[in-house]
Amino acid sequence: MFDWFKNRKKKQEPDYDVTNLSLRDLNYGFIFDYDMKSWVVKEVYEYDWGNHNFSKEYKIDSGDQVGYLSIADEDELVISLTNSVKLSQFDEDIMSEVQENKKPPRQLHMGGEKYTMEEDSAGYFRDCIKETEDWEEFVNWDYYNTDGDKIVSVTQWDDYNVKAHAGIVLKEYQISNIIPGQTS
């Protein structure tokens, strides 16, 4: 009987090396430093792009700012930090273009910056925190500015649900001091 209590209290071992954490290990509750702020991972999303190609996105919060940290492992990490933006912030009428042509324009303009479409992908999305394996289908278009340091993503979830995110492209070294958080 005492063995039963002993085994029950035993915590599951983490699937990462706590002495050598990287962005590949991020998960719910983790904390990291970026831009002289500490950020907490509040939500975790997974994207299935087909052919065993997956990426993760994390809703992060610094206390005074919320953003989305996207990480794709394509031989090296492709990292971006974005925020939701209204479609009305673009010079182009994205919604009309998507409804008429099944895709947004080849170029977008926002805040005096020109973005050019570099990638279009269809895939599946799931919220990793929810206790479900339901995947939601979507189409995504990624745009970059001329320098390649700013990104805009336009995502179509259904005929009348189109969202946009805009932000910056990061390098792995810009994120530091990754520590696991409470996962109760």
N, C-alpha and C. Protein backbone atom coordinates (compact mmCIF):
# COMPACT_ATOMS: atom_id res chain seq x y z
N MET A 1 0.81 -1.20 0.00
CA MET A 1 0.00 0.00 0.00
C MET A 1 0.85 1.26 0.00
N PHE A 2 1.96 1.25 0.74
CA PHE A 2 2.82 2.42 0.79
C PHE A 2 3.52 2.66 -0.55
N ASP A 3 3.79 1.58 -1.27
CA ASP A 3 4.37 1.72 -2.61
C ASP A 3 3.42 2.45 -3.55
N TRP A 4 2.12 2.20 -3.38
CA TRP A 4 1.13 2.87 -4.22
C TRP A 4 1.19 4.39 -4.01
N PHE A 5 1.26 4.83 -2.73
CA PHE A 5 1.36 6.26 -2.44
C PHE A 5 2.68 6.83 -2.94
N LYS A 6 3.73 6.07 -2.78
CA LYS A 6 5.06 6.51 -3.22
C LYS A 6 5.08 6.74 -4.73
N ASN A 7 4.54 5.79 -5.50
CA ASN A 7 4.51 5.90 -6.96
C ASN A 7 3.56 7.01 -7.42
N ARG A 8 2.51 7.21 -6.67
CA ARG A 8 1.53 8.22 -7.05
C ARG A 8 2.09 9.63 -6.94
N LYS A 9 2.94 9.86 -5.96
CA LYS A 9 3.52 11.19 -5.74
C LYS A 9 4.67 11.49 -6.68
N LYS A 10 5.20 10.46 -7.31
CA LYS A 10 6.35 10.63 -8.19
C LYS A 10 5.95 11.49 -9.40
N LYS A 11 6.71 12.55 -9.62
CA LYS A 11 6.41 13.44 -10.75
C LYS A 11 7.00 12.87 -12.03
N GLN A 12 6.32 13.18 -13.13
CA GLN A 12 6.81 12.75 -14.43
C GLN A 12 8.06 13.56 -14.78
N GLU A 13 9.06 12.87 -15.27
CA GLU A 13 10.32 13.51 -15.64
C GLU A 13 10.10 14.38 -16.88
N PRO A 14 10.71 15.58 -16.91
CA PRO A 14 10.57 16.43 -18.10
C PRO A 14 11.27 15.81 -19.30
N ASP A 15 10.81 16.15 -20.50
CA ASP A 15 11.42 15.61 -21.72
C ASP A 15 12.44 16.58 -22.30
N TYR A 16 13.10 17.34 -21.43
CA TYR A 16 14.14 18.28 -21.81
C TYR A 16 15.22 18.28 -20.74
N ASP A 17 16.39 18.76 -21.08
CA ASP A 17 17.51 18.87 -20.15
C ASP A 17 17.42 20.23 -19.47
N VAL A 18 17.08 20.25 -18.19
CA VAL A 18 16.87 21.52 -17.48
C VAL A 18 18.15 22.34 -17.37
N THR A 19 19.31 21.72 -17.60
CA THR A 19 20.57 22.46 -17.53
C THR A 19 20.97 23.06 -18.87
N ASN A 20 20.21 22.73 -19.92
CA ASN A 20 20.57 23.20 -21.25
C ASN A 20 19.31 23.47 -22.09
N LEU A 21 18.46 24.36 -21.63
CA LEU A 21 17.20 24.64 -22.32
C LEU A 21 17.43 25.52 -23.55
N SER A 22 16.65 25.23 -24.59
CA SER A 22 16.71 26.04 -25.81
C SER A 22 15.28 26.37 -26.23
N LEU A 23 15.14 27.13 -27.29
CA LEU A 23 13.82 27.48 -27.80
C LEU A 23 13.04 26.24 -28.24
N ARG A 24 13.72 25.19 -28.61
CA ARG A 24 13.06 23.94 -29.00
C ARG A 24 12.32 23.30 -27.83
N ASP A 25 12.68 23.68 -26.60
CA ASP A 25 12.08 23.10 -25.39
C ASP A 25 10.91 23.91 -24.85
N LEU A 26 10.64 25.10 -25.37
CA LEU A 26 9.59 25.96 -24.83
C LEU A 26 8.28 25.22 -24.66
N ASN A 27 7.58 25.55 -23.59
CA ASN A 27 6.29 24.94 -23.35
C ASN A 27 5.49 25.86 -22.43
N TYR A 28 4.28 25.47 -22.15
CA TYR A 28 3.38 26.25 -21.31
C TYR A 28 4.05 26.56 -19.97
N GLY A 29 3.97 27.81 -19.54
CA GLY A 29 4.50 28.23 -18.26
C GLY A 29 5.97 28.60 -18.27
N PHE A 30 6.70 28.29 -19.34
CA PHE A 30 8.11 28.64 -19.40
C PHE A 30 8.27 30.16 -19.36
N ILE A 31 9.42 30.59 -18.90
CA ILE A 31 9.76 32.02 -18.82
C ILE A 31 11.07 32.22 -19.57
N PHE A 32 11.18 33.32 -20.28
CA PHE A 32 12.42 33.65 -20.98
C PHE A 32 12.57 35.17 -21.05
N ASP A 33 13.78 35.61 -21.36
CA ASP A 33 14.06 37.03 -21.49
C ASP A 33 14.21 37.40 -22.96
N TYR A 34 13.60 38.52 -23.31
CA TYR A 34 13.75 39.10 -24.64
C TYR A 34 13.54 40.61 -24.51
N ASP A 35 14.40 41.38 -25.11
CA ASP A 35 14.27 42.83 -25.17
C ASP A 35 14.13 43.45 -23.77
N MET A 36 14.97 42.98 -22.87
CA MET A 36 15.05 43.50 -21.49
C MET A 36 13.75 43.30 -20.70
N LYS A 37 12.98 42.28 -21.06
CA LYS A 37 11.75 41.92 -20.35
C LYS A 37 11.72 40.41 -20.17
N SER A 38 11.03 39.98 -19.12
CA SER A 38 10.76 38.56 -18.94
C SER A 38 9.38 38.27 -19.50
N TRP A 39 9.28 37.19 -20.25
CA TRP A 39 8.04 36.79 -20.90
C TRP A 39 7.62 35.42 -20.39
N VAL A 40 6.32 35.21 -20.25
CA VAL A 40 5.76 33.94 -19.80
C VAL A 40 4.94 33.34 -20.94
N VAL A 41 5.13 32.05 -21.20
CA VAL A 41 4.35 31.34 -22.22
C VAL A 41 2.97 31.05 -21.63
N LYS A 42 1.93 31.66 -22.22
CA LYS A 42 0.56 31.51 -21.73
C LYS A 42 -0.25 30.47 -22.48
N GLU A 43 0.06 30.27 -23.77
CA GLU A 43 -0.65 29.30 -24.58
C GLU A 43 0.34 28.70 -25.59
N VAL A 44 0.07 27.48 -26.03
CA VAL A 44 0.93 26.79 -26.98
C VAL A 44 0.07 26.26 -28.13
N TYR A 45 0.48 26.54 -29.36
CA TYR A 45 -0.23 26.09 -30.55
C TYR A 45 0.73 25.29 -31.42
N GLU A 46 0.18 24.34 -32.15
CA GLU A 46 0.99 23.54 -33.07
C GLU A 46 0.39 23.64 -34.46
N TYR A 47 1.26 23.70 -35.47
CA TYR A 47 0.86 23.76 -36.86
C TYR A 47 1.44 22.55 -37.60
N ASP A 48 0.60 21.88 -38.35
CA ASP A 48 1.01 20.75 -39.17
C ASP A 48 0.96 21.21 -40.62
N TRP A 49 2.12 21.29 -41.26
CA TRP A 49 2.23 21.79 -42.63
C TRP A 49 2.29 20.65 -43.65
N GLY A 50 2.15 19.41 -43.19
CA GLY A 50 2.24 18.25 -44.08
C GLY A 50 3.66 17.74 -44.18
N ASN A 51 3.82 16.53 -44.67
CA ASN A 51 5.14 15.89 -44.85
C ASN A 51 5.99 15.92 -43.59
N HIS A 52 5.37 15.69 -42.44
CA HIS A 52 6.07 15.65 -41.14
C HIS A 52 6.75 16.98 -40.81
N ASN A 53 6.19 18.06 -41.29
CA ASN A 53 6.72 19.41 -41.04
C ASN A 53 5.78 20.12 -40.05
N PHE A 54 6.28 20.38 -38.86
CA PHE A 54 5.49 21.01 -37.81
C PHE A 54 6.19 22.28 -37.33
N SER A 55 5.41 23.22 -36.81
CA SER A 55 5.97 24.39 -36.15
C SER A 55 5.12 24.68 -34.91
N LYS A 56 5.66 25.52 -34.05
CA LYS A 56 4.96 25.88 -32.81
C LYS A 56 4.81 27.40 -32.75
N GLU A 57 3.76 27.80 -32.06
CA GLU A 57 3.54 29.21 -31.79
C GLU A 57 3.15 29.33 -30.32
N TYR A 58 3.65 30.36 -29.68
CA TYR A 58 3.42 30.56 -28.26
C TYR A 58 2.83 31.94 -28.02
N LYS A 59 1.72 31.99 -27.33
CA LYS A 59 1.18 33.27 -26.89
C LYS A 59 1.97 33.63 -25.64
N ILE A 60 2.63 34.79 -25.68
CA ILE A 60 3.52 35.17 -24.59
C ILE A 60 3.09 36.51 -24.00
N ASP A 61 3.43 36.71 -22.73
CA ASP A 61 2.99 37.89 -21.99
C ASP A 61 4.14 38.39 -21.13
N SER A 62 4.43 39.69 -21.23
CA SER A 62 5.48 40.29 -20.42
C SER A 62 4.91 41.13 -19.27
N GLY A 63 3.60 41.12 -19.13
CA GLY A 63 2.96 41.93 -18.10
C GLY A 63 2.36 43.19 -18.69
N ASP A 64 3.07 43.83 -19.61
CA ASP A 64 2.55 45.03 -20.26
C ASP A 64 2.40 44.87 -21.77
N GLN A 65 2.71 43.67 -22.25
CA GLN A 65 2.65 43.41 -23.68
C GLN A 65 2.33 41.93 -23.92
N VAL A 66 1.55 41.66 -24.95
CA VAL A 66 1.24 40.28 -25.35
C VAL A 66 1.66 40.12 -26.80
N GLY A 67 2.24 38.98 -27.13
CA GLY A 67 2.66 38.73 -28.50
C GLY A 67 2.59 37.26 -28.82
N TYR A 68 2.97 36.93 -30.05
CA TYR A 68 2.97 35.55 -30.53
C TYR A 68 4.37 35.23 -31.04
N LEU A 69 5.02 34.28 -30.39
CA LEU A 69 6.35 33.84 -30.77
C LEU A 69 6.21 32.58 -31.61
N SER A 70 6.61 32.66 -32.87
CA SER A 70 6.47 31.55 -33.80
C SER A 70 7.85 30.94 -34.04
N ILE A 71 7.93 29.61 -33.94
CA ILE A 71 9.21 28.93 -34.11
C ILE A 71 9.04 27.73 -35.06
N ALA A 72 9.79 27.76 -36.15
CA ALA A 72 9.82 26.65 -37.09
C ALA A 72 11.26 26.14 -37.15
N ASP A 73 11.42 24.83 -37.08
CA ASP A 73 12.75 24.22 -37.11
C ASP A 73 13.01 23.72 -38.52
N GLU A 74 13.65 24.54 -39.33
CA GLU A 74 13.95 24.22 -40.72
C GLU A 74 15.46 24.19 -40.90
N ASP A 75 16.12 23.16 -40.38
CA ASP A 75 17.58 23.04 -40.28
C ASP A 75 18.12 24.04 -39.26
N GLU A 76 17.72 25.27 -39.34
CA GLU A 76 17.97 26.25 -38.28
C GLU A 76 16.61 26.81 -37.89
N LEU A 77 16.56 27.46 -36.73
CA LEU A 77 15.28 27.97 -36.27
C LEU A 77 14.88 29.23 -37.03
N VAL A 78 13.62 29.28 -37.45
CA VAL A 78 13.03 30.47 -38.05
C VAL A 78 12.08 31.02 -37.00
N ILE A 79 12.38 32.22 -36.51
CA ILE A 79 11.68 32.77 -35.35
C ILE A 79 11.09 34.13 -35.69
N SER A 80 9.83 34.34 -35.30
CA SER A 80 9.24 35.67 -35.45
C SER A 80 8.41 36.00 -34.22
N LEU A 81 8.30 37.27 -33.94
CA LEU A 81 7.48 37.78 -32.84
C LEU A 81 6.48 38.75 -33.46
N THR A 82 5.19 38.42 -33.35
CA THR A 82 4.16 39.22 -34.01
C THR A 82 3.05 39.60 -33.04
N ASN A 83 2.22 40.52 -33.50
CA ASN A 83 1.00 40.90 -32.82
C ASN A 83 -0.13 40.91 -33.84
N SER A 84 -1.34 40.75 -33.36
CA SER A 84 -2.50 40.85 -34.26
C SER A 84 -2.61 42.27 -34.77
N VAL A 85 -2.96 42.39 -36.04
CA VAL A 85 -3.21 43.71 -36.64
C VAL A 85 -4.54 43.65 -37.37
N LYS A 86 -5.20 44.78 -37.44
CA LYS A 86 -6.47 44.86 -38.17
C LYS A 86 -6.20 44.91 -39.67
N LEU A 87 -7.07 44.27 -40.43
CA LEU A 87 -6.93 44.29 -41.87
C LEU A 87 -7.02 45.71 -42.42
N SER A 88 -7.71 46.59 -41.72
CA SER A 88 -7.85 47.98 -42.17
C SER A 88 -6.54 48.76 -42.07
N GLN A 89 -5.52 48.21 -41.41
CA GLN A 89 -4.23 48.87 -41.32
C GLN A 89 -3.42 48.76 -42.61
N PHE A 90 -3.85 47.89 -43.52
CA PHE A 90 -3.15 47.72 -44.79
C PHE A 90 -3.76 48.63 -45.84
N ASP A 91 -2.94 49.08 -46.78
CA ASP A 91 -3.44 49.92 -47.87
C ASP A 91 -4.35 49.12 -48.80
N GLU A 92 -4.15 47.82 -48.89
CA GLU A 92 -4.93 46.96 -49.77
C GLU A 92 -6.16 46.43 -49.04
N ASP A 93 -7.18 46.08 -49.81
CA ASP A 93 -8.38 45.47 -49.25
C ASP A 93 -8.20 43.95 -49.29
N ILE A 94 -7.57 43.43 -48.25
CA ILE A 94 -7.20 42.02 -48.20
C ILE A 94 -8.43 41.11 -48.26
N MET A 95 -9.45 41.45 -47.51
CA MET A 95 -10.64 40.59 -47.46
C MET A 95 -11.28 40.44 -48.83
N SER A 96 -11.44 41.53 -49.57
CA SER A 96 -12.02 41.45 -50.92
C SER A 96 -11.16 40.61 -51.85
N GLU A 97 -9.84 40.79 -51.76
CA GLU A 97 -8.92 40.02 -52.60
C GLU A 97 -9.04 38.52 -52.32
N VAL A 98 -9.11 38.16 -51.04
CA VAL A 98 -9.21 36.75 -50.67
C VAL A 98 -10.53 36.16 -51.16
N GLN A 99 -11.61 36.91 -51.00
CA GLN A 99 -12.92 36.40 -51.42
C GLN A 99 -13.03 36.30 -52.94
N GLU A 100 -12.46 37.26 -53.66
CA GLU A 100 -12.55 37.25 -55.13
C GLU A 100 -11.54 36.32 -55.78
N ASN A 101 -10.30 36.32 -55.28
CA ASN A 101 -9.20 35.59 -55.94
C ASN A 101 -8.69 34.38 -55.16
N LYS A 102 -9.28 34.12 -54.01
CA LYS A 102 -8.86 33.00 -53.15
C LYS A 102 -7.47 33.16 -52.57
N LYS A 103 -6.92 34.36 -52.66
CA LYS A 103 -5.64 34.68 -52.03
C LYS A 103 -5.49 36.20 -51.95
N PRO A 104 -4.67 36.67 -51.03
CA PRO A 104 -4.46 38.12 -50.92
C PRO A 104 -3.53 38.63 -52.03
N PRO A 105 -3.36 39.95 -52.12
CA PRO A 105 -2.47 40.50 -53.15
C PRO A 105 -1.02 40.02 -52.97
N ARG A 106 -0.25 40.07 -54.02
CA ARG A 106 1.17 39.67 -54.00
C ARG A 106 2.00 40.58 -53.11
N GLN A 107 1.61 41.85 -53.03
CA GLN A 107 2.32 42.81 -52.17
C GLN A 107 1.34 43.49 -51.25
N LEU A 108 1.81 43.79 -50.04
CA LEU A 108 1.02 44.53 -49.06
C LEU A 108 1.81 45.74 -48.60
N HIS A 109 1.07 46.77 -48.22
CA HIS A 109 1.69 47.99 -47.70
C HIS A 109 1.04 48.33 -46.36
N MET A 110 1.88 48.58 -45.36
CA MET A 110 1.38 48.96 -44.05
C MET A 110 2.42 49.87 -43.39
N GLY A 111 1.95 50.98 -42.88
CA GLY A 111 2.85 51.90 -42.18
C GLY A 111 4.02 52.35 -43.00
N GLY A 112 3.82 52.56 -44.30
CA GLY A 112 4.90 53.01 -45.17
C GLY A 112 5.88 51.92 -45.57
N GLU A 113 5.64 50.71 -45.16
CA GLU A 113 6.53 49.59 -45.47
C GLU A 113 5.87 48.69 -46.51
N LYS A 114 6.67 48.20 -47.47
CA LYS A 114 6.17 47.28 -48.50
C LYS A 114 6.59 45.87 -48.13
N TYR A 115 5.62 44.94 -48.20
CA TYR A 115 5.85 43.53 -47.92
C TYR A 115 5.52 42.72 -49.16
N THR A 116 6.35 41.74 -49.49
CA THR A 116 6.15 40.89 -50.65
C THR A 116 5.91 39.45 -50.19
N MET A 117 4.89 38.81 -50.80
CA MET A 117 4.58 37.43 -50.46
C MET A 117 5.74 36.52 -50.84
N GLU A 118 6.18 35.73 -49.88
CA GLU A 118 7.26 34.79 -50.13
C GLU A 118 6.85 33.35 -49.97
N GLU A 119 5.74 33.12 -49.27
CA GLU A 119 5.34 31.74 -49.03
C GLU A 119 3.84 31.65 -48.83
N ASP A 120 3.24 30.63 -49.44
CA ASP A 120 1.84 30.34 -49.15
C ASP A 120 1.76 28.86 -48.81
N SER A 121 1.01 28.57 -47.75
CA SER A 121 0.95 27.20 -47.24
C SER A 121 -0.43 26.90 -46.71
N ALA A 122 -0.85 25.67 -46.87
CA ALA A 122 -2.07 25.19 -46.24
C ALA A 122 -1.65 24.25 -45.13
N GLY A 123 -2.43 24.21 -44.07
CA GLY A 123 -2.06 23.34 -42.97
C GLY A 123 -3.19 23.14 -41.98
N TYR A 124 -2.81 22.59 -40.84
CA TYR A 124 -3.75 22.33 -39.77
C TYR A 124 -3.20 22.92 -38.46
N PHE A 125 -4.11 23.39 -37.63
CA PHE A 125 -3.78 24.07 -36.38
C PHE A 125 -4.46 23.38 -35.22
N ARG A 126 -3.77 23.32 -34.07
CA ARG A 126 -4.42 22.85 -32.84
C ARG A 126 -3.86 23.61 -31.65
N ASP A 127 -4.73 23.76 -30.65
CA ASP A 127 -4.37 24.38 -29.38
C ASP A 127 -3.86 23.27 -28.48
N CYS A 128 -2.59 23.29 -28.13
CA CYS A 128 -1.98 22.20 -27.37
C CYS A 128 -2.43 22.16 -25.91
N ILE A 129 -2.93 23.25 -25.39
CA ILE A 129 -3.35 23.30 -23.99
C ILE A 129 -4.69 22.60 -23.77
N LYS A 130 -5.56 22.69 -24.75
CA LYS A 130 -6.86 22.04 -24.64
C LYS A 130 -6.70 20.52 -24.67
N GLU A 131 -7.55 19.85 -23.99
CA GLU A 131 -7.50 18.39 -23.90
C GLU A 131 -8.18 17.75 -25.11
N THR A 132 -7.83 18.14 -26.31
CA THR A 132 -8.45 17.61 -27.51
C THR A 132 -7.40 17.47 -28.61
N GLU A 133 -7.64 16.60 -29.51
CA GLU A 133 -6.76 16.42 -30.66
C GLU A 133 -7.40 16.99 -31.93
N ASP A 134 -8.37 17.88 -31.78
CA ASP A 134 -9.03 18.49 -32.93
C ASP A 134 -8.09 19.44 -33.65
N TRP A 135 -7.99 19.28 -34.95
CA TRP A 135 -7.16 20.14 -35.79
C TRP A 135 -8.09 20.98 -36.67
N GLU A 136 -7.72 22.24 -36.86
CA GLU A 136 -8.51 23.16 -37.68
C GLU A 136 -7.72 23.50 -38.94
N GLU A 137 -8.38 23.43 -40.10
CA GLU A 137 -7.73 23.70 -41.38
C GLU A 137 -7.62 25.20 -41.63
N PHE A 138 -6.54 25.62 -42.30
CA PHE A 138 -6.32 27.03 -42.62
C PHE A 138 -5.39 27.16 -43.82
N VAL A 139 -5.32 28.38 -44.37
CA VAL A 139 -4.35 28.72 -45.41
C VAL A 139 -3.61 29.96 -44.92
N ASN A 140 -2.30 29.98 -45.13
CA ASN A 140 -1.48 31.09 -44.62
C ASN A 140 -0.57 31.64 -45.71
N TRP A 141 -0.39 32.95 -45.71
CA TRP A 141 0.52 33.62 -46.62
C TRP A 141 1.49 34.46 -45.79
N ASP A 142 2.80 34.27 -46.02
CA ASP A 142 3.83 35.04 -45.31
C ASP A 142 4.45 36.06 -46.25
N TYR A 143 4.59 37.26 -45.74
CA TYR A 143 5.17 38.39 -46.48
C TYR A 143 6.36 38.91 -45.69
N TYR A 144 7.39 39.37 -46.41
CA TYR A 144 8.55 39.97 -45.76
C TYR A 144 8.85 41.31 -46.40
N ASN A 145 9.43 42.22 -45.61
CA ASN A 145 9.89 43.48 -46.17
C ASN A 145 11.19 43.23 -46.94
N THR A 146 11.71 44.25 -47.58
CA THR A 146 12.90 44.11 -48.42
C THR A 146 14.10 43.60 -47.63
N ASP A 147 14.28 44.07 -46.40
CA ASP A 147 15.42 43.65 -45.58
C ASP A 147 15.23 42.26 -44.96
N GLY A 148 14.02 41.73 -45.00
CA GLY A 148 13.75 40.43 -44.44
C GLY A 148 13.71 40.39 -42.92
N ASP A 149 13.63 41.57 -42.28
CA ASP A 149 13.61 41.62 -40.83
C ASP A 149 12.21 41.89 -40.25
N LYS A 150 11.24 42.09 -41.13
CA LYS A 150 9.85 42.28 -40.70
C LYS A 150 8.97 41.31 -41.46
N ILE A 151 7.92 40.84 -40.79
CA ILE A 151 7.04 39.82 -41.37
C ILE A 151 5.58 40.22 -41.18
N VAL A 152 4.77 39.84 -42.16
CA VAL A 152 3.31 39.92 -42.06
C VAL A 152 2.78 38.54 -42.46
N SER A 153 1.89 38.00 -41.65
CA SER A 153 1.23 36.74 -41.98
C SER A 153 -0.26 36.98 -42.09
N VAL A 154 -0.83 36.53 -43.19
CA VAL A 154 -2.28 36.61 -43.40
C VAL A 154 -2.80 35.18 -43.40
N THR A 155 -3.79 34.93 -42.54
CA THR A 155 -4.31 33.57 -42.37
C THR A 155 -5.81 33.55 -42.63
N GLN A 156 -6.23 32.63 -43.49
CA GLN A 156 -7.65 32.44 -43.78
C GLN A 156 -8.11 31.17 -43.10
N TRP A 157 -9.09 31.32 -42.19
CA TRP A 157 -9.64 30.18 -41.46
C TRP A 157 -10.89 29.63 -42.13
N ASP A 158 -11.67 30.48 -42.74
CA ASP A 158 -12.81 30.09 -43.56
C ASP A 158 -13.13 31.26 -44.48
N ASP A 159 -14.21 31.18 -45.23
CA ASP A 159 -14.50 32.20 -46.24
C ASP A 159 -14.53 33.62 -45.69
N TYR A 160 -15.02 33.79 -44.47
CA TYR A 160 -15.19 35.14 -43.93
C TYR A 160 -14.36 35.40 -42.68
N ASN A 161 -13.36 34.57 -42.43
CA ASN A 161 -12.52 34.73 -41.26
C ASN A 161 -11.06 34.81 -41.70
N VAL A 162 -10.58 36.03 -41.90
CA VAL A 162 -9.21 36.28 -42.31
C VAL A 162 -8.56 37.15 -41.24
N LYS A 163 -7.39 36.73 -40.76
CA LYS A 163 -6.67 37.44 -39.70
C LYS A 163 -5.28 37.79 -40.20
N ALA A 164 -4.69 38.81 -39.59
CA ALA A 164 -3.32 39.19 -39.93
C ALA A 164 -2.51 39.43 -38.67
N HIS A 165 -1.22 39.11 -38.77
CA HIS A 165 -0.25 39.37 -37.71
C HIS A 165 0.95 40.06 -38.36
N ALA A 166 1.55 40.98 -37.64
CA ALA A 166 2.73 41.67 -38.15
C ALA A 166 3.76 41.77 -37.04
N GLY A 167 5.03 41.70 -37.42
CA GLY A 167 6.07 41.80 -36.41
C GLY A 167 7.45 41.73 -37.00
N ILE A 168 8.35 41.15 -36.22
CA ILE A 168 9.76 41.13 -36.59
C ILE A 168 10.29 39.71 -36.61
N VAL A 169 11.37 39.54 -37.37
CA VAL A 169 12.09 38.27 -37.43
C VAL A 169 13.21 38.34 -36.40
N LEU A 170 13.34 37.29 -35.59
CA LEU A 170 14.34 37.26 -34.53
C LEU A 170 15.43 36.23 -34.83
N LYS A 171 16.54 36.39 -34.15
CA LYS A 171 17.62 35.40 -34.15
C LYS A 171 17.57 34.68 -32.81
N GLU A 172 17.99 33.43 -32.80
CA GLU A 172 17.90 32.61 -31.59
C GLU A 172 18.62 33.25 -30.40
N TYR A 173 19.76 33.90 -30.62
CA TYR A 173 20.53 34.49 -29.52
C TYR A 173 19.80 35.65 -28.83
N GLN A 174 18.77 36.22 -29.45
CA GLN A 174 18.05 37.34 -28.85
C GLN A 174 17.17 36.91 -27.69
N ILE A 175 16.91 35.62 -27.58
CA ILE A 175 16.10 35.09 -26.48
C ILE A 175 17.02 34.33 -25.55
N SER A 176 16.94 34.65 -24.25
CA SER A 176 17.87 34.05 -23.30
C SER A 176 17.18 33.68 -22.00
N ASN A 177 17.94 33.08 -21.10
CA ASN A 177 17.49 32.74 -19.74
C ASN A 177 16.17 31.97 -19.73
N ILE A 178 16.09 30.93 -20.53
CA ILE A 178 14.88 30.10 -20.59
C ILE A 178 14.83 29.22 -19.35
N ILE A 179 13.70 29.29 -18.65
CA ILE A 179 13.50 28.43 -17.48
C ILE A 179 12.09 27.84 -17.52
N PRO A 180 11.96 26.59 -17.05
CA PRO A 180 10.63 26.00 -17.00
C PRO A 180 9.79 26.71 -15.96
N GLY A 181 8.50 26.77 -16.19
CA GLY A 181 7.58 27.40 -15.24
C GLY A 181 6.80 26.36 -14.48
N GLN A 182 5.84 26.83 -13.74
CA GLN A 182 4.97 25.94 -12.99
C GLN A 182 4.00 25.27 -13.95
N THR A 183 3.90 23.97 -13.89
CA THR A 183 3.00 23.22 -14.76
C THR A 183 2.06 22.36 -13.94
N SER A 184 1.40 22.96 -12.98
CA SER A 184 0.53 22.19 -12.08
C SER A 184 -0.74 21.77 -12.73
